[in-house]
Structure formats: structure tokens, C-alpha cells
PDB file of N, CA and C in Angstrom:
ATOM      1  N   MET A   1     -67.725 107.017  17.936  1.00  0.00           N
ATOM      2  CA  MET A   1     -68.947 107.791  17.995  1.00  0.00           C
ATOM      3  C   MET A   1     -68.684 109.134  17.311  1.00  0.00           C
ATOM      4  N   SER A   2     -69.541 109.475  16.383  1.00  0.00           N
ATOM      5  CA  SER A   2     -69.359 110.727  15.645  1.00  0.00           C
ATOM      6  C   SER A   2     -69.869 111.916  16.465  1.00  0.00           C
ATOM      7  N   HIS A   3     -69.568 113.119  15.969  1.00  0.00           N
ATOM      8  CA  HIS A   3     -70.044 114.328  16.644  1.00  0.00           C
ATOM      9  C   HIS A   3     -71.569 114.385  16.652  1.00  0.00           C
ATOM     10  N   LEU A   4     -72.182 113.964  15.551  1.00  0.00           N
ATOM     11  CA  LEU A   4     -73.640 113.974  15.463  1.00  0.00           C
ATOM     12  C   LEU A   4     -74.247 113.029  16.495  1.00  0.00           C
ATOM     13  N   GLU A   5     -73.698 111.837  16.615  1.00  0.00           N
ATOM     14  CA  GLU A   5     -74.206 110.881  17.600  1.00  0.00           C
ATOM     15  C   GLU A   5     -74.034 111.395  19.025  1.00  0.00           C
ATOM     16  N   THR A   6     -72.916 112.075  19.278  1.00  0.00           N
ATOM     17  CA  THR A   6     -72.694 112.647  20.601  1.00  0.00           C
ATOM     18  C   THR A   6     -73.742 113.702  20.921  1.00  0.00           C
ATOM     19  N   TRP A   7     -74.011 114.587  19.976  1.00  0.00           N
ATOM     20  CA  TRP A   7     -75.014 115.634  20.200  1.00  0.00           C
ATOM     21  C   TRP A   7     -76.416 115.051  20.325  1.00  0.00           C
ATOM     22  N   ILE A   8     -76.717 114.026  19.560  1.00  0.00           N
ATOM     23  CA  ILE A   8     -78.023 113.365  19.681  1.00  0.00           C
ATOM     24  C   ILE A   8     -78.170 112.766  21.081  1.00  0.00           C
ATOM     25  N   ALA A   9     -77.116 112.145  21.596  1.00  0.00           N
ATOM     26  CA  ALA A   9     -77.163 111.568  22.943  1.00  0.00           C
ATOM     27  C   ALA A   9     -77.347 112.659  23.995  1.00  0.00           C
ATOM     28  N   ILE A  10     -76.627 113.775  23.864  1.00  0.00           N
ATOM     29  CA  ILE A  10     -76.746 114.866  24.835  1.00  0.00           C
ATOM     30  C   ILE A  10     -78.145 115.461  24.812  1.00  0.00           C
ATOM     31  N   VAL A  11     -78.667 115.739  23.632  1.00  0.00           N
ATOM     32  CA  VAL A  11     -80.012 116.312  23.517  1.00  0.00           C
ATOM     33  C   VAL A  11     -81.053 115.321  24.029  1.00  0.00           C
ATOM     34  N   GLY A  12     -80.877 114.050  23.708  1.00  0.00           N
ATOM     35  CA  GLY A  12     -81.816 113.041  24.197  1.00  0.00           C
ATOM     36  C   GLY A  12     -81.832 112.950  25.712  1.00  0.00           C
ATOM     37  N   MET A  13     -80.647 112.988  26.340  1.00  0.00           N
ATOM     38  CA  MET A  13     -80.594 112.940  27.807  1.00  0.00           C
ATOM     39  C   MET A  13     -81.208 114.197  28.416  1.00  0.00           C
ATOM     40  N   ALA A  14     -81.009 115.340  27.776  1.00  0.00           N
ATOM     41  CA  ALA A  14     -81.599 116.576  28.274  1.00  0.00           C
ATOM     42  C   ALA A  14     -83.123 116.518  28.204  1.00  0.00           C
ATOM     43  N   VAL A  15     -83.653 116.006  27.104  1.00  0.00           N
ATOM     44  CA  VAL A  15     -85.110 115.899  26.952  1.00  0.00           C
ATOM     45  C   VAL A  15     -85.691 114.963  28.006  1.00  0.00           C
ATOM     46  N   VAL A  16     -85.062 113.829  28.211  1.00  0.00           N
ATOM     47  CA  VAL A  16     -85.547 112.878  29.216  1.00  0.00           C
ATOM     48  C   VAL A  16     -85.492 113.490  30.607  1.00  0.00           C
ATOM     49  N   THR A  17     -84.411 114.195  30.926  1.00  0.00           N
ATOM     50  CA  THR A  17     -84.277 114.827  32.240  1.00  0.00           C
ATOM     51  C   THR A  17     -85.340 115.899  32.439  1.00  0.00           C
ATOM     52  N   ILE A  18     -85.516 116.775  31.455  1.00  0.00           N
ATOM     53  CA  ILE A  18     -86.510 117.848  31.570  1.00  0.00           C
ATOM     54  C   ILE A  18     -87.906 117.267  31.675  1.00  0.00           C
ATOM     55  N   PHE A  19     -88.222 116.273  30.859  1.00  0.00           N
ATOM     56  CA  PHE A  19     -89.561 115.690  30.898  1.00  0.00           C
ATOM     57  C   PHE A  19     -89.842 115.017  32.234  1.00  0.00           C
ATOM     58  N   SER A  20     -88.875 114.264  32.748  1.00  0.00           N
ATOM     59  CA  SER A  20     -89.117 113.546  34.008  1.00  0.00           C
ATOM     60  C   SER A  20     -89.273 114.507  35.182  1.00  0.00           C
ATOM     61  N   ARG A  21     -88.600 115.649  35.151  1.00  0.00           N
ATOM     62  CA  ARG A  21     -88.738 116.624  36.231  1.00  0.00           C
ATOM     63  C   ARG A  21     -89.963 117.504  36.049  1.00  0.00           C
ATOM     64  N   ALA A  22     -90.275 117.852  34.812  1.00  0.00           N
ATOM     65  CA  ALA A  22     -91.422 118.723  34.545  1.00  0.00           C
ATOM     66  C   ALA A  22     -92.743 117.995  34.735  1.00  0.00           C
ATOM     67  N   LEU A  23     -92.739 116.692  34.641  1.00  0.00           N
ATOM     68  CA  LEU A  23     -93.964 115.921  34.800  1.00  0.00           C
ATOM     69  C   LEU A  23     -94.619 116.197  36.155  1.00  0.00           C
ATOM     70  N   PHE A  24     -93.810 116.310  37.208  1.00  0.00           N
ATOM     71  CA  PHE A  24     -94.351 116.580  38.533  1.00  0.00           C
ATOM     72  C   PHE A  24     -94.897 117.994  38.629  1.00  0.00           C
ATOM     73  N   LEU A  25     -94.259 118.939  37.952  1.00  0.00           N
ATOM     74  CA  LEU A  25     -94.739 120.316  37.977  1.00  0.00           C
ATOM     75  C   LEU A  25     -96.022 120.470  37.179  1.00  0.00           C
ATOM     76  N   MET A  26     -96.117 119.768  36.052  1.00  0.00           N
ATOM     77  CA  MET A  26     -97.320 119.860  35.223  1.00  0.00           C
ATOM     78  C   MET A  26     -98.513 119.208  35.909  1.00  0.00           C
ATOM     79  N   ALA A  27     -98.292 118.174  36.687  1.00  0.00           N
ATOM     80  CA  ALA A  27     -99.391 117.495  37.367  1.00  0.00           C
ATOM     81  C   ALA A  27     -99.976 118.370  38.462  1.00  0.00           C
ATOM     82  N   GLY A  28     -99.136 119.156  39.131  1.00  0.00           N
ATOM     83  CA  GLY A  28     -99.601 120.103  40.139  1.00  0.00           C
ATOM     84  C   GLY A  28    -100.317 119.435  41.297  1.00  0.00           C
ATOM     85  N   GLU A  29    -101.449 120.003  41.673  1.00  0.00           N
ATOM     86  CA  GLU A  29    -102.220 119.532  42.822  1.00  0.00           C
ATOM     87  C   GLU A  29    -103.067 118.301  42.508  1.00  0.00           C
ATOM     88  N   ARG A  30    -103.154 117.938  41.248  1.00  0.00           N
ATOM     89  CA  ARG A  30    -104.009 116.805  40.885  1.00  0.00           C
ATOM     90  C   ARG A  30    -103.453 115.486  41.377  1.00  0.00           C
ATOM     91  N   VAL A  31    -102.152 115.417  41.569  1.00  0.00           N
ATOM     92  CA  VAL A  31    -101.517 114.187  42.018  1.00  0.00           C
ATOM     93  C   VAL A  31    -101.002 114.396  43.440  1.00  0.00           C
ATOM     94  N   THR A  32    -101.423 113.527  44.343  1.00  0.00           N
ATOM     95  CA  THR A  32    -100.938 113.615  45.716  1.00  0.00           C
ATOM     96  C   THR A  32    -100.145 112.352  46.039  1.00  0.00           C
ATOM     97  N   VAL A  33     -99.103 112.535  46.798  1.00  0.00           N
ATOM     98  CA  VAL A  33     -98.261 111.419  47.207  1.00  0.00           C
ATOM     99  C   VAL A  33     -98.704 110.986  48.606  1.00  0.00           C
ATOM    100  N   PRO A  34     -98.902 109.694  48.832  1.00  0.00           N
ATOM    101  CA  PRO A  34     -99.324 109.233  50.156  1.00  0.00           C
ATOM    102  C   PRO A  34     -98.322 109.632  51.242  1.00  0.00           C
ATOM    103  N   ASP A  35     -98.816 109.821  52.455  1.00  0.00           N
ATOM    104  CA  ASP A  35     -97.980 110.259  53.575  1.00  0.00           C
ATOM    105  C   ASP A  35     -96.799 109.315  53.827  1.00  0.00           C
ATOM    106  N   ARG A  36     -97.048 108.018  53.699  1.00  0.00           N
ATOM    107  CA  ARG A  36     -95.981 107.045  53.946  1.00  0.00           C
ATOM    108  C   ARG A  36     -94.805 107.245  52.993  1.00  0.00           C
ATOM    109  N   ILE A  37     -95.099 107.521  51.728  1.00  0.00           N
ATOM    110  CA  ILE A  37     -94.039 107.755  50.750  1.00  0.00           C
ATOM    111  C   ILE A  37     -93.372 109.097  50.997  1.00  0.00           C
ATOM    112  N   GLN A  38     -94.131 110.114  51.385  1.00  0.00           N
ATOM    113  CA  GLN A  38     -93.538 111.418  51.695  1.00  0.00           C
ATOM    114  C   GLN A  38     -92.553 111.311  52.849  1.00  0.00           C
ATOM    115  N   ARG A  39     -92.911 110.533  53.876  1.00  0.00           N
ATOM    116  CA  ARG A  39     -91.984 110.346  54.998  1.00  0.00           C
ATOM    117  C   ARG A  39     -90.727 109.623  54.560  1.00  0.00           C
ATOM    118  N   ALA A  40     -90.867 108.641  53.682  1.00  0.00           N
ATOM    119  CA  ALA A  40     -89.707 107.898  53.198  1.00  0.00           C
ATOM    120  C   ALA A  40     -88.813 108.780  52.327  1.00  0.00           C
ATOM    121  N   LEU A  41     -89.412 109.649  51.526  1.00  0.00           N
ATOM    122  CA  LEU A  41     -88.637 110.513  50.643  1.00  0.00           C
ATOM    123  C   LEU A  41     -87.918 111.623  51.396  1.00  0.00           C
ATOM    124  N   ARG A  42     -88.322 111.886  52.617  1.00  0.00           N
ATOM    125  CA  ARG A  42     -87.670 112.917  53.414  1.00  0.00           C
ATOM    126  C   ARG A  42     -86.199 112.584  53.638  1.00  0.00           C
ATOM    127  N   TYR A  43     -85.867 111.287  53.717  1.00  0.00           N
ATOM    128  CA  TYR A  43     -84.500 110.864  53.977  1.00  0.00           C
ATOM    129  C   TYR A  43     -83.760 110.431  52.717  1.00  0.00           C
ATOM    130  N   ALA A  44     -84.409 110.476  51.579  1.00  0.00           N
ATOM    131  CA  ALA A  44     -83.788 110.028  50.332  1.00  0.00           C
ATOM    132  C   ALA A  44     -82.559 110.847  49.945  1.00  0.00           C
ATOM    133  N   PRO A  45     -82.563 112.183  50.061  1.00  0.00           N
ATOM    134  CA  PRO A  45     -81.344 112.926  49.680  1.00  0.00           C
ATOM    135  C   PRO A  45     -80.136 112.544  50.534  1.00  0.00           C
ATOM    136  N   ALA A  46     -80.330 112.338  51.820  1.00  0.00           N
ATOM    137  CA  ALA A  46     -79.214 111.954  52.685  1.00  0.00           C
ATOM    138  C   ALA A  46     -78.703 110.567  52.310  1.00  0.00           C
ATOM    139  N   ALA A  47     -79.606 109.657  51.988  1.00  0.00           N
ATOM    140  CA  ALA A  47     -79.189 108.309  51.596  1.00  0.00           C
ATOM    141  C   ALA A  47     -78.443 108.332  50.267  1.00  0.00           C
ATOM    142  N   ALA A  48     -78.910 109.138  49.337  1.00  0.00           N
ATOM    143  CA  ALA A  48     -78.229 109.241  48.045  1.00  0.00           C
ATOM    144  C   ALA A  48     -76.845 109.858  48.214  1.00  0.00           C
ATOM    145  N   LEU A  49     -76.750 110.878  49.037  1.00  0.00           N
ATOM    146  CA  LEU A  49     -75.460 111.512  49.279  1.00  0.00           C
ATOM    147  C   LEU A  49     -74.491 110.533  49.944  1.00  0.00           C
ATOM    148  N   ALA A  50     -74.991 109.768  50.903  1.00  0.00           N
ATOM    149  CA  ALA A  50     -74.145 108.771  51.565  1.00  0.00           C
ATOM    150  C   ALA A  50     -73.680 107.707  50.573  1.00  0.00           C
ATOM    151  N   ALA A  51     -74.552 107.309  49.661  1.00  0.00           N
ATOM    152  CA  ALA A  51     -74.179 106.295  48.673  1.00  0.00           C
ATOM    153  C   ALA A  51     -73.108 106.800  47.716  1.00  0.00           C
ATOM    154  N   ILE A  52     -73.064 108.115  47.497  1.00  0.00           N
ATOM    155  CA  ILE A  52     -72.059 108.681  46.605  1.00  0.00           C
ATOM    156  C   ILE A  52     -70.742 108.912  47.338  1.00  0.00           C
ATOM    157  N   ILE A  53     -70.804 109.436  48.554  1.00  0.00           N
ATOM    158  CA  ILE A  53     -69.607 109.864  49.270  1.00  0.00           C
ATOM    159  C   ILE A  53     -68.949 108.738  50.061  1.00  0.00           C
ATOM    160  N   LEU A  54     -69.723 107.867  50.660  1.00  0.00           N
ATOM    161  CA  LEU A  54     -69.175 106.833  51.539  1.00  0.00           C
ATOM    162  C   LEU A  54     -68.116 105.943  50.878  1.00  0.00           C
ATOM    163  N   PRO A  55     -68.320 105.480  49.647  1.00  0.00           N
ATOM    164  CA  PRO A  55     -67.255 104.666  49.043  1.00  0.00           C
ATOM    165  C   PRO A  55     -65.928 105.413  48.917  1.00  0.00           C
ATOM    166  N   ASP A  56     -65.982 106.726  48.694  1.00  0.00           N
ATOM    167  CA  ASP A  56     -64.745 107.499  48.603  1.00  0.00           C
ATOM    168  C   ASP A  56     -64.082 107.613  49.970  1.00  0.00           C
ATOM    169  N   PHE A  57     -64.862 107.732  51.021  1.00  0.00           N
ATOM    170  CA  PHE A  57     -64.301 107.821  52.376  1.00  0.00           C
ATOM    171  C   PHE A  57     -63.653 106.513  52.808  1.00  0.00           C
ATOM    172  N   LEU A  58     -64.181 105.410  52.346  1.00  0.00           N
ATOM    173  CA  LEU A  58     -63.713 104.107  52.816  1.00  0.00           C
ATOM    174  C   LEU A  58     -62.565 103.524  52.004  1.00  0.00           C
ATOM    175  N   THR A  59     -62.122 104.247  50.985  1.00  0.00           N
ATOM    176  CA  THR A  59     -60.978 103.767  50.218  1.00  0.00           C
ATOM    177  C   THR A  59     -59.817 104.737  50.370  1.00  0.00           C
ATOM    178  N   TRP A  60     -58.620 104.189  50.410  1.00  0.00           N
ATOM    179  CA  TRP A  60     -57.418 104.998  50.499  1.00  0.00           C
ATOM    180  C   TRP A  60     -56.393 104.387  49.561  1.00  0.00           C
ATOM    181  N   GLN A  61     -55.940 105.152  48.607  1.00  0.00           N
ATOM    182  CA  GLN A  61     -54.991 104.717  47.589  1.00  0.00           C
ATOM    183  C   GLN A  61     -55.485 103.460  46.873  1.00  0.00           C
ATOM    184  N   GLY A  62     -56.783 103.445  46.576  1.00  0.00           N
ATOM    185  CA  GLY A  62     -57.372 102.360  45.802  1.00  0.00           C
ATOM    186  C   GLY A  62     -57.749 101.118  46.574  1.00  0.00           C
ATOM    187  N   HIS A  63     -57.599 101.114  47.900  1.00  0.00           N
ATOM    188  CA  HIS A  63     -57.915  99.938  48.706  1.00  0.00           C
ATOM    189  C   HIS A  63     -58.885 100.311  49.822  1.00  0.00           C
ATOM    190  N   PHE A  64     -59.753  99.364  50.165  1.00  0.00           N
ATOM    191  CA  PHE A  64     -60.668  99.553  51.290  1.00  0.00           C
ATOM    192  C   PHE A  64     -59.862  99.632  52.582  1.00  0.00           C
ATOM    193  N   THR A  65     -60.005 100.760  53.312  1.00  0.00           N
ATOM    194  CA  THR A  65     -59.200 100.967  54.506  1.00  0.00           C
ATOM    195  C   THR A  65     -60.027 101.626  55.607  1.00  0.00           C
ATOM    196  N   LEU A  66     -60.114 100.968  56.744  1.00  0.00           N
ATOM    197  CA  LEU A  66     -60.733 101.547  57.941  1.00  0.00           C
ATOM    198  C   LEU A  66     -59.644 101.709  58.996  1.00  0.00           C
ATOM    199  N   SER A  67     -58.781 102.677  58.795  1.00  0.00           N
ATOM    200  CA  SER A  67     -57.678 102.875  59.731  1.00  0.00           C
ATOM    201  C   SER A  67     -57.349 104.358  59.827  1.00  0.00           C
ATOM    202  N   PRO A  68     -56.569 104.737  60.835  1.00  0.00           N
ATOM    203  CA  PRO A  68     -56.202 106.145  61.006  1.00  0.00           C
ATOM    204  C   PRO A  68     -55.341 106.709  59.873  1.00  0.00           C
ATOM    205  N   VAL A  69     -54.793 105.880  59.011  1.00  0.00           N
ATOM    206  CA  VAL A  69     -54.007 106.404  57.888  1.00  0.00           C
ATOM    207  C   VAL A  69     -54.894 106.927  56.759  1.00  0.00           C
ATOM    208  N   ASN A  70     -56.185 106.627  56.813  1.00  0.00           N
ATOM    209  CA  ASN A  70     -57.138 107.083  55.806  1.00  0.00           C
ATOM    210  C   ASN A  70     -57.554 108.519  56.141  1.00  0.00           C
ATOM    211  N   ASP A  71     -56.882 109.493  55.526  1.00  0.00           N
ATOM    212  CA  ASP A  71     -57.144 110.906  55.819  1.00  0.00           C
ATOM    213  C   ASP A  71     -58.574 111.315  55.485  1.00  0.00           C
ATOM    214  N   LYS A  72     -59.114 110.788  54.395  1.00  0.00           N
ATOM    215  CA  LYS A  72     -60.477 111.149  54.001  1.00  0.00           C
ATOM    216  C   LYS A  72     -61.498 110.675  55.035  1.00  0.00           C
ATOM    217  N   LEU A  73     -61.298 109.480  55.557  1.00  0.00           N
ATOM    218  CA  LEU A  73     -62.224 108.947  56.552  1.00  0.00           C
ATOM    219  C   LEU A  73     -62.172 109.757  57.845  1.00  0.00           C
ATOM    220  N   ILE A  74     -60.976 110.091  58.301  1.00  0.00           N
ATOM    221  CA  ILE A  74     -60.823 110.888  59.525  1.00  0.00           C
ATOM    222  C   ILE A  74     -61.458 112.268  59.338  1.00  0.00           C
ATOM    223  N   ALA A  75     -61.233 112.900  58.193  1.00  0.00           N
ATOM    224  CA  ALA A  75     -61.829 114.208  57.910  1.00  0.00           C
ATOM    225  C   ALA A  75     -63.350 114.106  57.828  1.00  0.00           C
ATOM    226  N   GLY A  76     -63.853 113.042  57.244  1.00  0.00           N
ATOM    227  CA  GLY A  76     -65.307 112.842  57.172  1.00  0.00           C
ATOM    228  C   GLY A  76     -65.927 112.656  58.544  1.00  0.00           C
ATOM    229  N   ILE A  77     -65.248 111.922  59.403  1.00  0.00           N
ATOM    230  CA  ILE A  77     -65.742 111.741  60.777  1.00  0.00           C
ATOM    231  C   ILE A  77     -65.717 113.063  61.517  1.00  0.00           C
ATOM    232  N   ALA A  78     -64.641 113.839  61.361  1.00  0.00           N
ATOM    233  CA  ALA A  78     -64.554 115.148  62.022  1.00  0.00           C
ATOM    234  C   ALA A  78     -65.660 116.075  61.527  1.00  0.00           C
ATOM    235  N   ALA A  79     -65.912 116.090  60.227  1.00  0.00           N
ATOM    236  CA  ALA A  79     -66.966 116.940  59.672  1.00  0.00           C
ATOM    237  C   ALA A  79     -68.341 116.512  60.185  1.00  0.00           C
ATOM    238  N   THR A  80     -68.568 115.210  60.265  1.00  0.00           N
ATOM    239  CA  THR A  80     -69.854 114.714  60.766  1.00  0.00           C
ATOM    240  C   THR A  80     -70.058 115.088  62.224  1.00  0.00           C
ATOM    241  N   VAL A  81     -69.035 114.930  63.039  1.00  0.00           N
ATOM    242  CA  VAL A  81     -69.132 115.311  64.458  1.00  0.00           C
ATOM    243  C   VAL A  81     -69.396 116.804  64.583  1.00  0.00           C
ATOM    244  N   PHE A  82     -68.692 117.617  63.793  1.00  0.00           N
ATOM    245  CA  PHE A  82     -68.905 119.065  63.820  1.00  0.00           C
ATOM    246  C   PHE A  82     -70.361 119.387  63.488  1.00  0.00           C
ATOM    247  N   TYR A  83     -70.901 118.747  62.449  1.00  0.00           N
ATOM    248  CA  TYR A  83     -72.282 119.019  62.055  1.00  0.00           C
ATOM    249  C   TYR A  83     -73.272 118.581  63.130  1.00  0.00           C
ATOM    250  N   LEU A  84     -73.042 117.429  63.726  1.00  0.00           N
ATOM    251  CA  LEU A  84     -73.962 116.954  64.762  1.00  0.00           C
ATOM    252  C   LEU A  84     -73.963 117.866  65.988  1.00  0.00           C
ATOM    253  N   LEU A  85     -72.832 118.498  66.265  1.00  0.00           N
ATOM    254  CA  LEU A  85     -72.749 119.403  67.417  1.00  0.00           C
ATOM    255  C   LEU A  85     -73.301 120.789  67.120  1.00  0.00           C
ATOM    256  N   THR A  86     -73.135 121.282  65.884  1.00  0.00           N
ATOM    257  CA  THR A  86     -73.507 122.674  65.580  1.00  0.00           C
ATOM    258  C   THR A  86     -74.667 122.826  64.617  1.00  0.00           C
ATOM    259  N   ARG A  87     -74.954 121.816  63.795  1.00  0.00           N
ATOM    260  CA  ARG A  87     -75.975 121.873  62.747  1.00  0.00           C
ATOM    261  C   ARG A  87     -75.699 122.996  61.741  1.00  0.00           C
ATOM    262  N   ARG A  88     -74.426 123.243  61.450  1.00  0.00           N
ATOM    263  CA  ARG A  88     -74.030 124.265  60.477  1.00  0.00           C
ATOM    264  C   ARG A  88     -73.346 123.571  59.295  1.00  0.00           C
ATOM    265  N   MET A  89     -73.999 123.639  58.145  1.00  0.00           N
ATOM    266  CA  MET A  89     -73.517 122.933  56.967  1.00  0.00           C
ATOM    267  C   MET A  89     -72.204 123.522  56.446  1.00  0.00           C
ATOM    268  N   VAL A  90     -72.124 124.836  56.334  1.00  0.00           N
ATOM    269  CA  VAL A  90     -70.902 125.454  55.817  1.00  0.00           C
ATOM    270  C   VAL A  90     -69.738 125.195  56.773  1.00  0.00           C
ATOM    271  N   GLY A  91     -69.998 125.279  58.082  1.00  0.00           N
ATOM    272  CA  GLY A  91     -68.968 124.983  59.063  1.00  0.00           C
ATOM    273  C   GLY A  91     -68.491 123.547  58.964  1.00  0.00           C
ATOM    274  N   MET A  92     -69.404 122.647  58.651  1.00  0.00           N
ATOM    275  CA  MET A  92     -69.039 121.240  58.487  1.00  0.00           C
ATOM    276  C   MET A  92     -68.062 121.075  57.319  1.00  0.00           C
ATOM    277  N   ILE A  93     -68.352 121.754  56.216  1.00  0.00           N
ATOM    278  CA  ILE A  93     -67.471 121.663  55.052  1.00  0.00           C
ATOM    279  C   ILE A  93     -66.096 122.235  55.386  1.00  0.00           C
ATOM    280  N   VAL A  94     -66.082 123.393  56.048  1.00  0.00           N
ATOM    281  CA  VAL A  94     -64.813 124.023  56.416  1.00  0.00           C
ATOM    282  C   VAL A  94     -64.033 123.135  57.382  1.00  0.00           C
ATOM    283  N   ALA A  95     -64.708 122.586  58.390  1.00  0.00           N
ATOM    284  CA  ALA A  95     -64.037 121.728  59.369  1.00  0.00           C
ATOM    285  C   ALA A  95     -63.473 120.476  58.700  1.00  0.00           C
ATOM    286  N   GLY A  96     -64.248 119.835  57.847  1.00  0.00           N
ATOM    287  CA  GLY A  96     -63.778 118.635  57.156  1.00  0.00           C
ATOM    288  C   GLY A  96     -62.590 118.917  56.264  1.00  0.00           C
ATOM    289  N   MET A  97     -62.656 120.008  55.511  1.00  0.00           N
ATOM    290  CA  MET A  97     -61.532 120.356  54.634  1.00  0.00           C
ATOM    291  C   MET A  97     -60.303 120.773  55.430  1.00  0.00           C
ATOM    292  N   ALA A  98     -60.513 121.452  56.564  1.00  0.00           N
ATOM    293  CA  ALA A  98     -59.370 121.849  57.402  1.00  0.00           C
ATOM    294  C   ALA A  98     -58.671 120.622  57.970  1.00  0.00           C
ATOM    295  N   VAL A  99     -59.442 119.663  58.458  1.00  0.00           N
ATOM    296  CA  VAL A  99     -58.840 118.433  58.997  1.00  0.00           C
ATOM    297  C   VAL A  99     -58.141 117.656  57.888  1.00  0.00           C
ATOM    298  N   TYR A 100     -58.774 117.551  56.741  1.00  0.00           N
ATOM    299  CA  TYR A 100     -58.180 116.822  55.621  1.00  0.00           C
ATOM    300  C   TYR A 100     -56.878 117.477  55.165  1.00  0.00           C
ATOM    301  N   THR A 101     -56.895 118.817  55.050  1.00  0.00           N
ATOM    302  CA  THR A 101     -55.689 119.531  54.625  1.00  0.00           C
ATOM    303  C   THR A 101     -54.568 119.374  55.652  1.00  0.00           C
ATOM    304  N   ALA A 102     -54.920 119.491  56.930  1.00  0.00           N
ATOM    305  CA  ALA A 102     -53.901 119.335  57.987  1.00  0.00           C
ATOM    306  C   ALA A 102     -53.306 117.926  57.960  1.00  0.00           C
ATOM    307  N   LEU A 103     -54.135 116.927  57.802  1.00  0.00           N
ATOM    308  CA  LEU A 103     -53.630 115.552  57.752  1.00  0.00           C
ATOM    309  C   LEU A 103     -52.748 115.320  56.524  1.00  0.00           C
ATOM    310  N   ARG A 104     -53.115 115.920  55.410  1.00  0.00           N
ATOM    311  CA  ARG A 104     -52.298 115.779  54.196  1.00  0.00           C
ATOM    312  C   ARG A 104     -50.936 116.440  54.357  1.00  0.00           C
ATOM    313  N   PHE A 105     -50.907 117.636  54.996  1.00  0.00           N
ATOM    314  CA  PHE A 105     -49.634 118.325  55.210  1.00  0.00           C
ATOM    315  C   PHE A 105     -48.762 117.599  56.231  1.00  0.00           C
ATOM    316  N   LEU A 106     -49.391 117.024  57.244  1.00  0.00           N
ATOM    317  CA  LEU A 106     -48.617 116.339  58.286  1.00  0.00           C
ATOM    318  C   LEU A 106     -48.167 114.949  57.851  1.00  0.00           C
ATOM    319  N   GLY A 107     -48.913 114.343  56.924  1.00  0.00           N
ATOM    320  CA  GLY A 107     -48.612 112.975  56.546  1.00  0.00           C
ATOM    321  C   GLY A 107     -47.683 112.806  55.472  1.00  0.00           C
TER     322      GLY A 107
END
């Protein structure tokens, strides 16, 4: 792939991204989303985040592992418990990273 083709691909992806996001802003109040879809979209970011992060939590050294030797899984569980108890996002990140770092140093 040449430099020109690379730049054409980057610019093309940028145009598609901007257009797809700006379309909703340009439509404004003229387009309304039904209540049922709005309720479903309320949980979409959490589902997307889980789809991205969960596979990383469930693998350890390239293999699917549900055991106490999986430091990432234990840290993820600790972070989730912390968040459910306190509802503090930054604290959840700190707690998860602290548990992960401690497990890495001890292991």
C-alpha cells in the first residue's frame, strides 16, 4: 500500500465517521427516537465496553482461564465489587489497578 493509498483510506474513514455522527446533529428535533429504542440504547455503552474488555479478562497468557491465577480477572472482579459498593468510577479504576499491580508483584 502506497503513502497515497494510506492517506486516502485515512481521509475516507474520517469523512465517514464525521458524516455518520453529524447526521444526528443536523437532523435535530425533526427526528425522534421511539421510547423503546431509547431505553435499549441506555445500556448499549456498558454492553459495548463489556464486549471489548471481557475477552481480555478471561484470557491469561493466551489461553481461556477462569482461575485464581488469572490476575486480570481477579482485578476486574475487585474493581467491579468496588464500583457496586461505592459507585465511584475513578475509585474503581484505582482499586482494579492496585489489585492487579499487587498480584503481579506477588506472583
